[in-house]
N, C-alpha and C. Protein backbone atom coordinates (compact mmCIF):
# COMPACT_ATOMS: atom_id res chain seq x y z
N MET A 1 8.25 20.61 15.87
CA MET A 1 7.17 20.19 17.14
C MET A 1 6.50 20.42 15.74
N LEU A 2 4.96 18.85 15.86
CA LEU A 2 4.34 18.69 14.51
C LEU A 2 2.66 19.88 15.16
N SER A 3 1.94 19.95 14.20
CA SER A 3 1.00 20.33 15.32
C SER A 3 0.33 20.00 14.59
N VAL A 4 -1.20 19.99 14.52
CA VAL A 4 -2.76 19.55 14.08
C VAL A 4 -3.63 20.62 13.26
N ASP A 5 -3.23 20.87 12.62
CA ASP A 5 -4.42 22.51 11.77
C ASP A 5 -5.78 21.92 11.28
N ALA A 6 -6.48 22.75 10.94
CA ALA A 6 -8.17 22.66 11.25
C ALA A 6 -8.27 21.46 10.42
N SER A 7 -7.31 21.05 8.93
CA SER A 7 -8.10 19.93 8.76
C SER A 7 -8.16 18.58 9.45
N GLY A 8 -7.44 18.82 10.35
CA GLY A 8 -6.94 17.34 11.61
C GLY A 8 -5.74 17.06 10.55
N ASN A 9 -4.65 17.30 9.76
CA ASN A 9 -3.43 16.80 9.06
C ASN A 9 -2.31 17.50 10.17
N LEU A 10 -1.72 17.28 10.63
CA LEU A 10 0.06 17.61 10.62
C LEU A 10 0.35 18.18 9.58
N SER A 11 0.68 19.32 10.31
CA SER A 11 1.29 20.79 9.50
C SER A 11 3.17 20.57 10.77
N GLY A 12 3.67 21.04 9.64
CA GLY A 12 5.21 20.94 9.12
C GLY A 12 5.42 19.29 9.30
N GLU A 13 4.49 18.67 8.37
CA GLU A 13 5.33 17.46 7.74
C GLU A 13 5.16 17.27 6.10
N ARG A 14 5.63 16.88 5.46
CA ARG A 14 5.33 16.63 4.10
C ARG A 14 4.07 15.42 3.65
N LEU A 15 3.51 15.35 2.90
CA LEU A 15 2.56 14.74 3.19
C LEU A 15 2.62 13.55 2.09
N THR A 16 2.50 12.36 2.11
CA THR A 16 2.85 11.46 0.89
C THR A 16 2.44 11.83 -0.51
N LEU A 17 2.39 10.93 -0.96
CA LEU A 17 1.26 10.73 -2.36
C LEU A 17 0.66 10.15 -2.15
N THR A 18 0.75 8.94 -1.35
CA THR A 18 -0.72 8.71 -0.96
C THR A 18 -1.63 9.53 -1.00
N GLN A 19 -1.51 10.05 0.71
CA GLN A 19 -2.58 10.96 1.35
C GLN A 19 -2.24 12.43 0.73
N ARG A 20 -1.16 12.75 -0.76
CA ARG A 20 -2.11 13.64 -1.62
C ARG A 20 -3.14 13.19 -2.75
N ALA A 21 -2.89 11.25 -3.14
CA ALA A 21 -3.97 11.18 -3.89
C ALA A 21 -5.20 12.03 -3.43
N ARG A 22 -5.48 10.86 -2.22
CA ARG A 22 -6.55 10.24 -1.80
C ARG A 22 -7.14 11.62 -1.29
N ARG A 23 -7.27 12.86 -1.43
CA ARG A 23 -7.55 14.28 -1.10
C ARG A 23 -7.68 14.73 -3.10
N LEU A 24 -7.05 14.11 -3.91
CA LEU A 24 -7.36 14.06 -4.74
C LEU A 24 -8.79 14.14 -5.15
N VAL A 25 -8.85 12.62 -5.06
CA VAL A 25 -9.51 11.55 -5.24
C VAL A 25 -10.89 11.88 -4.81
N ARG A 26 -11.01 12.22 -3.53
CA ARG A 26 -12.31 12.41 -2.79
C ARG A 26 -13.43 13.08 -3.49
N GLY A 27 -13.61 13.37 -4.24
CA GLY A 27 -15.18 14.06 -4.94
C GLY A 27 -15.38 13.10 -6.15
N VAL A 28 -14.07 12.63 -6.59
CA VAL A 28 -14.56 11.56 -6.89
C VAL A 28 -14.94 9.66 -5.85
N VAL A 29 -14.37 9.25 -5.09
CA VAL A 29 -14.48 8.03 -4.72
C VAL A 29 -15.47 8.49 -3.65
N ASP A 30 -15.66 9.87 -3.11
CA ASP A 30 -16.85 9.76 -1.73
C ASP A 30 -18.39 8.89 -2.61
N PRO A 31 -18.74 9.84 -3.90
CA PRO A 31 -20.52 9.75 -4.81
C PRO A 31 -20.55 8.17 -5.02
N ILE A 32 -18.95 7.57 -5.21
CA ILE A 32 -19.42 5.80 -5.18
C ILE A 32 -19.31 5.42 -4.65
N ALA A 33 -19.18 5.90 -3.48
CA ALA A 33 -19.01 5.52 -2.51
C ALA A 33 -20.32 5.11 -2.01
N ASP A 34 -21.53 6.28 -2.42
CA ASP A 34 -22.98 6.58 -1.83
C ASP A 34 -23.52 5.21 -2.12
N ARG A 35 -23.17 5.52 -3.83
CA ARG A 35 -23.92 4.39 -4.42
C ARG A 35 -23.48 3.02 -3.75
N LEU A 36 -22.29 2.80 -3.99
CA LEU A 36 -22.06 1.15 -3.33
C LEU A 36 -23.26 0.85 -1.52
N ALA A 37 -22.86 2.61 -0.88
CA ALA A 37 -24.21 1.76 -0.39
C ALA A 37 -25.27 2.03 -0.20
N ARG A 38 -26.08 2.44 -0.74
CA ARG A 38 -27.55 1.65 -1.48
C ARG A 38 -27.65 0.85 -1.64
N TRP A 39 -27.18 0.31 -2.97
CA TRP A 39 -26.58 -1.36 -3.08
C TRP A 39 -26.67 -2.54 -2.16
N GLY A 40 -26.34 -1.98 -0.82
CA GLY A 40 -26.45 -2.98 0.24
C GLY A 40 -25.06 -3.42 -0.03
N VAL A 41 -24.00 -3.28 -0.08
CA VAL A 41 -22.65 -3.55 -0.74
C VAL A 41 -21.33 -2.82 0.54
N THR A 42 -20.77 -3.85 1.13
CA THR A 42 -20.77 -3.94 2.48
C THR A 42 -19.02 -3.48 2.26
N PRO A 43 -18.17 -2.78 3.64
CA PRO A 43 -16.88 -1.90 3.19
C PRO A 43 -16.09 -3.55 3.69
N ASN A 44 -17.00 -5.05 3.93
CA ASN A 44 -15.45 -5.76 4.41
C ASN A 44 -15.85 -6.11 2.54
N ALA A 45 -17.18 -6.46 2.27
CA ALA A 45 -17.12 -7.49 0.52
C ALA A 45 -16.26 -6.28 -0.46
N LEU A 46 -15.67 -5.15 -0.07
CA LEU A 46 -15.01 -4.65 -1.07
C LEU A 46 -14.01 -5.03 -0.77
N THR A 47 -13.18 -4.92 0.46
CA THR A 47 -11.77 -5.51 1.36
C THR A 47 -11.05 -7.08 0.83
N VAL A 48 -12.77 -8.07 0.42
CA VAL A 48 -12.31 -9.54 -0.13
C VAL A 48 -12.24 -9.24 -1.43
N THR A 49 -13.03 -8.52 -1.82
CA THR A 49 -12.82 -8.64 -3.80
C THR A 49 -12.53 -7.62 -3.69
N GLY A 50 -11.27 -7.44 -3.64
CA GLY A 50 -9.42 -6.45 -3.40
C GLY A 50 -8.67 -7.39 -3.36
N LEU A 51 -8.89 -8.05 -2.71
CA LEU A 51 -7.02 -9.13 -2.19
C LEU A 51 -8.29 -10.64 -3.31
N LEU A 52 -8.91 -10.94 -3.87
CA LEU A 52 -8.98 -11.25 -4.90
C LEU A 52 -8.87 -11.13 -6.01
N ALA A 53 -9.06 -9.43 -6.56
CA ALA A 53 -8.72 -8.91 -7.75
C ALA A 53 -6.96 -9.17 -8.01
N ASN A 54 -5.94 -8.77 -6.53
CA ASN A 54 -4.92 -9.49 -6.53
C ASN A 54 -4.32 -10.96 -6.88
N VAL A 55 -5.34 -11.17 -5.96
CA VAL A 55 -4.37 -12.81 -6.30
C VAL A 55 -4.55 -13.45 -8.23
N ALA A 56 -5.94 -12.81 -8.24
CA ALA A 56 -6.25 -12.61 -10.00
C ALA A 56 -4.79 -12.20 -10.59
N ALA A 57 -4.34 -11.39 -10.55
CA ALA A 57 -3.49 -10.25 -11.03
C ALA A 57 -1.76 -11.46 -11.05
N GLY A 58 -1.80 -12.04 -9.63
CA GLY A 58 -0.83 -12.62 -9.68
C GLY A 58 -0.81 -13.91 -10.38
N LEU A 59 -2.25 -14.73 -10.48
CA LEU A 59 -1.49 -15.39 -11.10
C LEU A 59 -1.99 -15.45 -12.59
N LEU A 60 -2.67 -13.81 -13.33
CA LEU A 60 -1.71 -13.51 -14.40
C LEU A 60 -0.74 -13.28 -15.11
N ILE A 61 0.14 -13.37 -13.27
CA ILE A 61 1.84 -12.48 -13.68
C ILE A 61 1.69 -14.27 -13.69
N ALA A 62 2.18 -15.17 -12.38
CA ALA A 62 2.62 -16.93 -13.26
C ALA A 62 3.11 -16.71 -14.43
N ARG A 63 1.34 -16.46 -15.04
CA ARG A 63 1.31 -16.40 -16.03
C ARG A 63 1.86 -16.69 -17.39
N GLY A 64 3.01 -14.90 -17.21
CA GLY A 64 2.93 -14.93 -18.52
C GLY A 64 2.34 -13.58 -19.08
N ASP A 65 0.98 -13.45 -18.62
CA ASP A 65 0.00 -12.49 -18.83
C ASP A 65 -0.20 -11.08 -17.86
N LEU A 66 1.22 -10.66 -18.63
CA LEU A 66 1.58 -8.98 -17.74
C LEU A 66 0.50 -7.94 -17.94
N ILE A 67 0.14 -8.50 -19.16
CA ILE A 67 -1.15 -6.74 -20.16
C ILE A 67 -2.16 -6.64 -19.08
N PRO A 68 -2.93 -8.56 -18.97
CA PRO A 68 -4.11 -8.33 -18.13
C PRO A 68 -4.24 -8.24 -17.19
N ALA A 69 -2.48 -9.33 -16.62
CA ALA A 69 -2.66 -8.69 -14.46
C ALA A 69 -2.69 -7.25 -14.81
N ALA A 70 -1.93 -6.73 -15.10
CA ALA A 70 -1.86 -4.91 -15.34
C ALA A 70 -3.65 -3.71 -15.31
N VAL A 71 -4.06 -4.71 -16.25
CA VAL A 71 -5.74 -4.14 -16.53
C VAL A 71 -6.28 -4.27 -15.29
N VAL A 72 -6.08 -5.83 -14.65
CA VAL A 72 -6.35 -5.44 -13.65
C VAL A 72 -6.55 -5.66 -12.61
N LEU A 73 -5.68 -5.30 -12.24
CA LEU A 73 -5.10 -4.61 -10.92
C LEU A 73 -5.40 -2.42 -11.59
N VAL A 74 -5.10 -2.21 -12.36
CA VAL A 74 -5.61 -0.50 -12.73
C VAL A 74 -7.34 -0.60 -12.35
N LEU A 75 -8.44 -1.70 -12.96
CA LEU A 75 -9.69 -1.15 -12.75
C LEU A 75 -10.27 -2.15 -11.83
N LEU A 76 -9.29 -2.74 -10.47
CA LEU A 76 -10.04 -3.30 -9.49
C LEU A 76 -8.60 -2.64 -8.23
N GLY A 77 -7.61 -1.66 -9.17
CA GLY A 77 -6.83 -1.56 -7.48
C GLY A 77 -7.74 -0.18 -6.55
N PRO A 78 -8.37 0.50 -6.95
CA PRO A 78 -9.17 1.14 -6.40
C PRO A 78 -10.19 0.90 -5.65
N LEU A 79 -10.67 -0.51 -5.03
CA LEU A 79 -11.17 -0.82 -3.50
C LEU A 79 -10.98 -1.22 -3.05
N ASP A 80 -9.87 -0.66 -2.91
CA ASP A 80 -8.48 -0.15 -2.55
C ASP A 80 -9.05 1.16 -0.88
N HIS A 81 -8.93 1.61 -1.74
CA HIS A 81 -9.32 3.14 -1.32
C HIS A 81 -11.32 2.80 -1.05
N LEU A 82 -12.41 2.54 -2.01
CA LEU A 82 -13.17 2.56 -1.54
C LEU A 82 -13.56 1.95 -0.10
N ASP A 83 -13.21 1.26 0.35
CA ASP A 83 -13.81 0.73 1.60
C ASP A 83 -13.08 0.79 2.63
N GLY A 84 -12.60 1.85 2.59
CA GLY A 84 -12.59 3.44 3.61
C GLY A 84 -12.85 4.06 3.61
N ALA A 85 -14.32 4.33 2.28
CA ALA A 85 -15.39 5.51 1.90
C ALA A 85 -16.45 5.34 2.27
N LEU A 86 -16.16 3.89 1.75
CA LEU A 86 -17.52 2.80 2.57
C LEU A 86 -18.58 3.53 3.80
N ALA A 87 -16.66 2.76 4.92
CA ALA A 87 -17.01 1.75 5.82
C ALA A 87 -17.76 3.45 6.37
N ARG A 88 -17.30 4.73 6.03
CA ARG A 88 -17.16 6.21 6.22
C ARG A 88 -18.31 6.84 6.23
N ARG A 89 -19.08 5.81 5.03
CA ARG A 89 -20.37 6.81 4.74
C ARG A 89 -21.70 5.75 5.35
N LEU A 90 -21.73 4.62 5.88
CA LEU A 90 -22.18 3.76 6.57
C LEU A 90 -21.44 4.17 8.04
N HIS A 91 -21.08 4.55 8.39
CA HIS A 91 -20.58 5.06 10.23
C HIS A 91 -20.73 3.26 10.45
N GLN A 92 -19.10 2.87 9.76
CA GLN A 92 -18.61 1.70 9.91
C GLN A 92 -17.67 1.42 10.33
N SER A 93 -16.76 2.38 10.22
CA SER A 93 -15.57 2.48 10.79
C SER A 93 -15.15 1.55 11.52
N SER A 94 -14.37 1.01 11.78
CA SER A 94 -13.49 0.27 13.02
C SER A 94 -12.84 -0.59 13.29
N LYS A 95 -11.88 -0.39 14.86
CA LYS A 95 -10.65 -1.41 14.84
C LYS A 95 -10.85 -2.37 13.46
N SER A 96 -11.47 -3.29 14.13
CA SER A 96 -11.64 -4.23 13.57
C SER A 96 -11.50 -4.00 11.55
N GLY A 97 -12.18 -3.79 11.26
CA GLY A 97 -12.36 -3.75 9.64
C GLY A 97 -10.95 -2.64 9.66
N ALA A 98 -9.96 -2.30 9.97
CA ALA A 98 -9.02 -1.35 9.79
C ALA A 98 -8.20 -2.65 10.11
N TYR A 99 -7.74 -3.03 10.64
CA TYR A 99 -6.82 -4.13 11.28
C TYR A 99 -7.89 -5.97 9.64
N LEU A 100 -8.50 -5.56 9.14
CA LEU A 100 -8.39 -6.31 8.62
C LEU A 100 -7.99 -6.81 6.89
N ASP A 101 -8.75 -4.96 6.85
CA ASP A 101 -7.59 -3.89 5.77
C ASP A 101 -6.10 -4.08 5.44
N SER A 102 -5.31 -3.91 6.17
CA SER A 102 -3.94 -4.32 6.44
C SER A 102 -3.66 -4.98 6.68
N THR A 103 -4.87 -5.85 6.87
CA THR A 103 -3.88 -7.70 7.14
C THR A 103 -4.27 -7.93 5.42
N PHE A 104 -4.90 -7.87 4.68
CA PHE A 104 -5.50 -8.08 3.33
C PHE A 104 -4.72 -6.84 2.49
N ASP A 105 -4.82 -5.81 2.55
CA ASP A 105 -3.50 -4.97 1.92
C ASP A 105 -2.02 -5.93 2.16
N ARG A 106 -1.64 -6.21 2.43
CA ARG A 106 0.01 -7.28 2.44
C ARG A 106 -0.33 -8.44 2.20
N LEU A 107 -1.13 -9.26 2.27
CA LEU A 107 -2.11 -10.87 1.30
C LEU A 107 -1.72 -9.76 0.02
N SER A 108 -2.50 -9.03 -0.22
CA SER A 108 -1.74 -8.76 -1.81
C SER A 108 -0.99 -8.72 -2.17
N GLU A 109 -0.13 -8.18 -1.64
CA GLU A 109 1.38 -7.53 -1.76
C GLU A 109 2.10 -9.09 -2.37
N ILE A 110 2.01 -10.00 -1.13
CA ILE A 110 2.40 -11.70 -0.92
C ILE A 110 1.79 -12.00 -2.42
N ALA A 111 0.92 -11.95 -2.85
CA ALA A 111 0.08 -12.58 -3.83
C ALA A 111 0.93 -12.04 -5.52
N LEU A 112 0.64 -10.71 -5.33
CA LEU A 112 2.01 -10.26 -6.36
C LEU A 112 2.97 -10.76 -6.23
N TYR A 113 3.90 -10.64 -5.47
CA TYR A 113 5.04 -11.34 -5.29
C TYR A 113 5.33 -12.61 -5.71
N LEU A 114 4.64 -13.58 -5.28
CA LEU A 114 4.46 -14.57 -5.58
C LEU A 114 4.64 -14.26 -6.87
N GLY A 115 3.73 -14.39 -7.45
CA GLY A 115 3.42 -14.34 -9.18
C GLY A 115 4.34 -14.14 -10.25
N LEU A 116 4.92 -12.87 -9.68
CA LEU A 116 6.43 -13.01 -9.36
C LEU A 116 7.71 -14.25 -10.12
N LEU A 117 8.07 -13.91 -8.41
CA LEU A 117 8.64 -15.20 -8.78
C LEU A 117 8.14 -16.57 -9.41
N TRP A 118 7.08 -16.72 -9.17
CA TRP A 118 6.63 -17.88 -10.34
C TRP A 118 7.03 -17.77 -11.67
N TYR A 119 7.19 -16.48 -12.58
CA TYR A 119 6.84 -16.32 -13.44
C TYR A 119 8.10 -16.04 -14.17
N PHE A 120 9.45 -15.65 -12.72
CA PHE A 120 10.67 -15.91 -13.22
C PHE A 120 11.16 -17.20 -13.08
N GLN A 121 10.58 -17.66 -12.98
CA GLN A 121 10.73 -19.55 -12.61
C GLN A 121 11.73 -20.17 -14.04
N GLY A 122 10.58 -19.28 -14.92
CA GLY A 122 10.70 -19.99 -16.16
C GLY A 122 11.56 -18.66 -16.98
N HIS A 123 11.50 -17.74 -16.91
CA HIS A 123 12.09 -16.66 -17.46
C HIS A 123 13.13 -15.95 -17.16
N GLY A 124 13.70 -15.91 -16.33
CA GLY A 124 14.93 -14.87 -15.19
C GLY A 124 16.04 -16.56 -14.81
N SER A 125 16.17 -15.57 -14.02
CA SER A 125 17.49 -16.77 -13.08
C SER A 125 17.20 -16.68 -11.70
N GLY A 126 18.13 -17.18 -10.84
CA GLY A 126 18.57 -16.67 -9.72
C GLY A 126 18.56 -15.14 -8.54
N ARG A 127 19.30 -14.18 -9.92
CA ARG A 127 19.52 -12.97 -9.61
C ARG A 127 18.06 -12.19 -9.66
N ASP A 128 17.06 -13.05 -10.74
CA ASP A 128 15.53 -12.08 -10.18
C ASP A 128 14.89 -12.57 -9.37
N ALA A 129 15.26 -14.27 -9.00
CA ALA A 129 13.82 -14.07 -7.92
C ALA A 129 14.58 -13.14 -6.00
N LEU A 130 15.78 -13.63 -6.53
CA LEU A 130 16.47 -12.14 -5.74
C LEU A 130 16.51 -10.61 -5.26
N LEU A 131 15.91 -10.03 -6.79
CA LEU A 131 14.80 -8.66 -6.39
C LEU A 131 13.55 -8.94 -5.80
N VAL A 132 12.69 -10.22 -6.42
CA VAL A 132 11.21 -10.08 -6.07
C VAL A 132 11.54 -10.52 -4.22
N TYR A 133 12.35 -11.48 -3.60
CA TYR A 133 12.58 -11.70 -2.96
C TYR A 133 13.05 -9.98 -1.83
N LEU A 134 13.48 -9.46 -2.38
CA LEU A 134 14.16 -8.02 -1.83
C LEU A 134 12.89 -7.24 -2.14
N ALA A 135 12.59 -7.01 -2.72
CA ALA A 135 11.21 -6.04 -2.85
C ALA A 135 9.75 -6.70 -2.07
N ALA A 136 9.90 -8.33 -2.43
CA ALA A 136 8.54 -7.61 -1.66
C ALA A 136 9.21 -8.36 0.56
N THR A 137 10.34 -8.91 0.88
CA THR A 137 10.57 -8.28 2.11
C THR A 137 10.74 -6.74 2.14
N GLY A 138 11.43 -6.45 1.73
CA GLY A 138 11.35 -4.31 1.90
C GLY A 138 9.51 -3.65 2.32
N SER A 139 8.42 -4.16 0.53
CA SER A 139 7.23 -4.16 1.06
C SER A 139 6.64 -4.49 2.26
N VAL A 140 6.43 -5.79 2.75
CA VAL A 140 6.68 -5.90 3.59
C VAL A 140 6.83 -5.14 4.88
N MET A 141 7.98 -4.61 5.15
CA MET A 141 8.98 -4.23 6.05
C MET A 141 7.73 -2.24 5.97
N VAL A 142 8.30 -1.82 5.03
CA VAL A 142 7.56 -1.03 5.03
C VAL A 142 6.61 -0.59 5.93
N SER A 143 5.58 -1.06 6.13
CA SER A 143 3.86 -1.48 6.28
C SER A 143 4.58 -1.92 7.49
N TYR A 144 5.72 -2.53 8.33
CA TYR A 144 5.96 -3.01 9.33
C TYR A 144 6.51 -2.42 10.11
N ALA A 145 7.23 -1.30 9.94
CA ALA A 145 7.94 0.28 10.22
C ALA A 145 6.49 0.39 10.37
N ARG A 146 6.32 0.96 9.65
CA ARG A 146 4.74 2.06 10.45
C ARG A 146 3.53 1.28 11.28
N ALA A 147 3.65 -0.20 11.47
CA ALA A 147 2.30 -0.37 12.20
C ALA A 147 3.41 0.03 14.02
N ARG A 148 4.40 -0.88 13.87
CA ARG A 148 5.61 -0.74 15.07
C ARG A 148 5.91 0.47 15.43
N ALA A 149 5.51 1.25 14.85
CA ALA A 149 6.01 2.52 15.42
C ALA A 149 4.82 3.62 15.71
N GLU A 150 3.35 3.75 14.93
CA GLU A 150 2.04 3.55 15.47
C GLU A 150 1.97 3.19 16.69
N GLY A 151 2.56 2.04 17.04
CA GLY A 151 1.76 0.96 18.23
C GLY A 151 2.58 1.44 19.28
N LEU A 152 3.30 2.33 19.38
CA LEU A 152 4.54 3.10 19.97
C LEU A 152 4.14 4.54 20.11
N GLY A 153 2.93 4.89 19.78
CA GLY A 153 2.49 5.74 19.50
C GLY A 153 2.80 7.23 19.36
N VAL A 154 3.53 6.26 17.34
CA VAL A 154 4.47 7.85 17.41
C VAL A 154 3.28 7.72 15.12
N ASP A 155 3.21 8.70 14.84
CA ASP A 155 2.58 8.53 13.32
C ASP A 155 3.37 9.12 12.37
N CYS A 156 3.29 7.45 11.25
CA CYS A 156 4.59 6.99 10.43
C CYS A 156 4.37 7.01 8.89
N GLN A 157 3.82 7.66 8.75
CA GLN A 157 4.07 7.63 7.43
C GLN A 157 4.36 8.55 6.66
N THR A 158 5.72 8.74 7.29
CA THR A 158 6.23 9.20 6.06
C THR A 158 6.34 9.02 5.26
N GLY A 159 7.91 8.82 4.53
CA GLY A 159 9.14 8.32 3.75
C GLY A 159 8.59 7.74 2.23
N LEU A 160 9.11 7.71 1.49
CA LEU A 160 9.57 8.06 -0.44
C LEU A 160 8.14 6.85 -1.27
N LEU A 161 8.61 5.63 -0.26
CA LEU A 161 8.26 4.66 -1.44
C LEU A 161 6.56 4.09 -0.29
N THR A 162 5.61 4.16 -0.60
CA THR A 162 4.61 4.33 -0.10
C THR A 162 3.71 3.02 -0.71
N ARG A 163 2.55 2.71 -0.20
CA ARG A 163 1.65 1.20 -1.17
C ARG A 163 1.55 1.74 -2.34
N LEU A 164 1.19 3.04 -2.68
CA LEU A 164 0.83 3.74 -3.49
C LEU A 164 1.68 3.56 -4.83
N GLU A 165 2.49 4.06 -4.17
CA GLU A 165 4.00 5.03 -5.00
C GLU A 165 4.81 3.40 -5.80
N ARG A 166 4.32 1.93 -4.62
CA ARG A 166 4.78 0.47 -4.91
C ARG A 166 3.94 0.37 -6.17
N PHE A 167 2.34 0.40 -5.62
CA PHE A 167 2.17 0.23 -6.73
C PHE A 167 2.52 0.99 -8.44
N ILE A 168 2.65 1.99 -8.43
CA ILE A 168 2.61 2.53 -9.39
C ILE A 168 3.45 2.10 -10.08
N VAL A 169 4.93 1.28 -9.43
CA VAL A 169 6.50 1.78 -10.32
C VAL A 169 5.84 -0.26 -10.56
N LEU A 170 5.18 -0.76 -10.06
CA LEU A 170 4.89 -2.40 -10.14
C LEU A 170 4.13 -2.26 -11.84
N LEU A 171 2.92 -1.12 -11.55
CA LEU A 171 2.02 -1.50 -12.81
C LEU A 171 2.99 -1.04 -14.10
N ALA A 172 4.23 0.40 -13.97
CA ALA A 172 4.80 0.40 -15.10
C ALA A 172 5.85 -0.93 -15.74
N GLY A 173 5.89 -1.13 -14.61
CA GLY A 173 7.19 -3.09 -14.98
C GLY A 173 6.26 -4.09 -15.78
N LEU A 174 4.61 -3.71 -15.10
CA LEU A 174 3.92 -4.90 -16.12
C LEU A 174 3.53 -4.08 -18.00
N LEU A 175 3.31 -3.07 -17.36
CA LEU A 175 2.44 -2.89 -18.52
C LEU A 175 3.65 -2.81 -19.45
N THR A 176 5.33 -1.53 -19.56
CA THR A 176 6.08 -1.94 -20.03
C THR A 176 7.02 -3.02 -20.41
N GLY A 177 6.99 -3.94 -19.74
CA GLY A 177 8.11 -5.27 -20.24
C GLY A 177 9.12 -5.11 -19.20
N ARG A 178 9.34 -3.97 -18.52
CA ARG A 178 10.57 -3.89 -17.40
C ARG A 178 10.08 -4.35 -15.68
N LEU A 179 10.09 -5.30 -15.95
CA LEU A 179 10.18 -6.06 -14.78
C LEU A 179 11.42 -5.98 -13.97
N ARG A 180 12.29 -6.45 -13.89
CA ARG A 180 13.02 -5.98 -14.04
C ARG A 180 14.12 -5.53 -12.77
N ILE A 181 13.45 -3.57 -13.96
CA ILE A 181 13.63 -2.29 -13.15
C ILE A 181 13.21 -2.28 -12.41
N ALA A 182 11.86 -2.44 -12.54
CA ALA A 182 10.86 -1.80 -11.45
C ALA A 182 11.00 -2.72 -9.70
N LEU A 183 11.32 -4.25 -9.78
CA LEU A 183 11.64 -5.05 -8.99
C LEU A 183 13.17 -4.21 -7.99
N GLY A 184 14.41 -3.79 -9.33
CA GLY A 184 14.79 -3.40 -8.65
C GLY A 184 15.20 -2.00 -7.46
N VAL A 185 14.32 -0.85 -8.87
CA VAL A 185 13.28 0.16 -7.92
C VAL A 185 12.57 -0.44 -6.10
N LEU A 186 11.71 -0.77 -7.15
CA LEU A 186 11.17 -1.50 -5.03
C LEU A 186 11.45 -2.02 -4.23
N ALA A 187 12.74 -2.59 -5.47
CA ALA A 187 14.43 -3.57 -4.27
C ALA A 187 14.69 -2.88 -3.03
N GLY A 188 15.57 -1.64 -4.59
CA GLY A 188 16.27 -0.84 -3.12
C GLY A 188 15.84 0.71 -2.25
N LEU A 189 14.38 0.78 -2.87
CA LEU A 189 13.74 1.81 -2.19
C LEU A 189 12.76 1.45 -1.19
N THR A 190 12.46 0.58 -1.81
CA THR A 190 11.88 0.04 0.00
C THR A 190 12.46 0.10 1.83
N TYR A 191 13.29 -0.31 0.52
CA TYR A 191 14.62 -0.58 2.24
C TYR A 191 14.99 0.80 2.88
N PHE A 192 15.30 1.94 1.50
CA PHE A 192 15.55 3.33 1.39
C PHE A 192 14.56 3.75 2.74
N THR A 193 12.47 3.07 2.76
CA THR A 193 11.69 4.11 2.85
C THR A 193 11.97 3.79 4.35
N VAL A 194 12.32 1.81 4.59
CA VAL A 194 12.32 1.79 6.25
C VAL A 194 13.73 2.08 6.57
N TYR A 195 14.71 2.51 6.19
CA TYR A 195 15.55 3.59 6.84
C TYR A 195 14.82 4.73 7.52
N GLN A 196 13.69 5.28 6.69
CA GLN A 196 13.51 6.56 6.39
C GLN A 196 12.91 6.65 7.78
N ARG A 197 11.15 5.57 7.77
CA ARG A 197 11.01 5.56 8.85
C ARG A 197 11.12 4.88 10.37
N ILE A 198 12.28 4.18 10.15
CA ILE A 198 13.04 4.23 11.13
C ILE A 198 13.74 4.85 11.85
N SER A 199 14.44 6.21 11.47
CA SER A 199 14.27 6.86 11.37
C SER A 199 13.82 9.09 12.20
N HIS A 200 12.79 7.99 11.95
CA HIS A 200 11.87 9.25 11.81
C HIS A 200 10.97 8.97 12.81
N THR A 201 10.35 7.46 13.52
CA THR A 201 10.10 6.72 14.78
C THR A 201 11.44 7.10 15.63
N ARG A 202 12.43 6.65 15.85
CA ARG A 202 13.80 7.69 16.87
C ARG A 202 13.52 9.06 17.38
N LYS A 203 13.94 9.98 15.82
CA LYS A 203 13.53 11.61 16.33
C LYS A 203 12.61 11.48 16.83
N ARG A 204 11.52 11.19 17.28
CA ARG A 204 10.06 11.04 18.14
C ARG A 204 9.68 10.58 19.16
N LEU A 205 10.05 9.67 18.73
CA LEU A 205 10.65 8.74 20.41
C LEU A 205 11.44 9.83 21.59
N ALA A 206 12.48 10.84 20.45
CA ALA A 206 13.80 11.21 21.63
C ALA A 206 13.61 12.33 22.06
N GLU A 207 12.58 13.16 21.23
CA GLU A 207 11.56 14.05 21.45
C GLU A 207 10.77 13.68 22.12
N ASP A 208 9.89 12.66 22.92
CA ASP A 208 8.92 12.29 23.40
C ASP A 208 9.61 12.36 24.57
N ARG A 209 10.35 11.80 25.19
CA ARG A 209 11.52 11.63 26.13
C ARG A 209 12.29 13.00 26.79
N GLU A 210 12.20 13.87 25.97
CA GLU A 210 12.71 15.59 26.37
C GLU A 210 11.98 16.11 26.92
N LEU A 211 10.93 15.71 26.57
CA LEU A 211 9.30 16.64 26.52
C LEU A 211 8.40 16.41 28.64
N ALA A 212 9.06 15.02 28.50
CA ALA A 212 8.84 14.31 29.66
C ALA A 212 9.12 14.28 30.82
N PRO A 213 8.04 15.57 31.61
CA PRO A 213 8.29 15.57 32.71
C PRO A 213 9.46 15.09 34.05
């Protein structure tokens, strides 16, 4: 069984890279969120800016400007975490904001994969297009598997390739020009992560049934 420790974390379950990264950068992110709050920046403005940054990166990828696209992602990618920190600082955390953030996260990933698909139309083959398709659908399914599990009352942040890991793999592919390798990794490991989340959710639901009176 899982329990919640004094920090509000589930004990007995391994933290994902995303969760570990959030802990590590909290000391940097919170002061930035304080400054943004004083400037009157809103969490939704950061969420929208993050989406626009990913759209811009997608357009750069489509043009074959891979390094500039990577630079945009490195410089503006942290906005994805700052909007949540800012919302907490302003006491504006809400279900509506969380919904907008999650939806824009998916749109951001779609924008990047659309850019990759366009890029490979001129620099690749049908096999490359298939890799983009599998990586894109796998990424969406990882997020869907979590959302559906949580809709059933099961915490489901487990799995090998959460969004941060996917971001790192894609960024490495852009910086090195090894996009096919990066997409192959994403295509395979996102679906493996879906399998992990399905297994995790089924196990938790079975445990709940056993505990039910």
